[in-house]
Amino acid sequence: MSNIFTSSIGKKLIMSITGLFLMLFLLVHLFANSAYLFGPEAFDTIIIIMSSPVVVAIVPVLAAGFIIHIFYASYLTITNLMARGKERYAVAHKGASDSWASKNMFVLGVIILGFLIFHLTHFWAHMQLKDFTGREPENVNNLMQLTFSNIWIVILYLIWFFAIWFHLTHGFWSAFQTLGMNNSKWLKRWQVIAYIYATFIFLGFATIAITAYCRSKGIC
């Protein structure tokens, strides 16, 4: 029996499972950050909850999910390029991977990773990292307004959210397809759900960033 970590099917399954895990995290992260829209007190409460031991213990699992997803994405992309293959992900139907996003998933992933590091320097480095090293973490509401008071930072974040949108429009349904939900009826359904989910994520995070900018300028 082929090792699931080295077989072609195994690699795609791991990509799909870790991708779904990260998509679930995005949804939870969006709901948590949405507390910012309801005022400083609500956001402070969420941050206290997110700082609980249970949530903190999940951080290494999340980091492992990112690392595994990135590793296998890189491996599959390099392997496909070397073999001059046309498929980057498991797609069983002709024409299902003709979108721009499907042909540039790795490039989108690199962009998303770069902006993720950029994001971590704004928040994680000033909050969780300081707390972990015994220093006083910054107030999250102050960080939000300080970070998003710069219109160029807002624009960069919006570009990041847009790259995530593109990545999700293909990655969402492709993950379910790889797991076996790939008949013609469900393929179309997953593609529609993918666009709904990706758009919800994009609009949610974009609204939070724009709201932070407006508050920093006293507009709202």
Foldseek 3Di string as FASTA:
>chain_A
DDDLVPDPLSLQLLLLVLLVVVLVVLVVVLVLLLLVVVDQVSNVVSVVVCPDPVNVVCVVVNVVSLVSNLVSLVVLVVVCVVVVHPASHDDDDPPLQPDPLRNCLNVLSVLLVVVVVVVCVQAVVQAVVCVVVPHDHDRPLVSLLVQLLDVVSLVSVLVSLVSQLSNQLNSQLRSVVSVPQHDPVVSVVSNVVSNVSSVVSSVSVNVSSVVSNCVSVVND
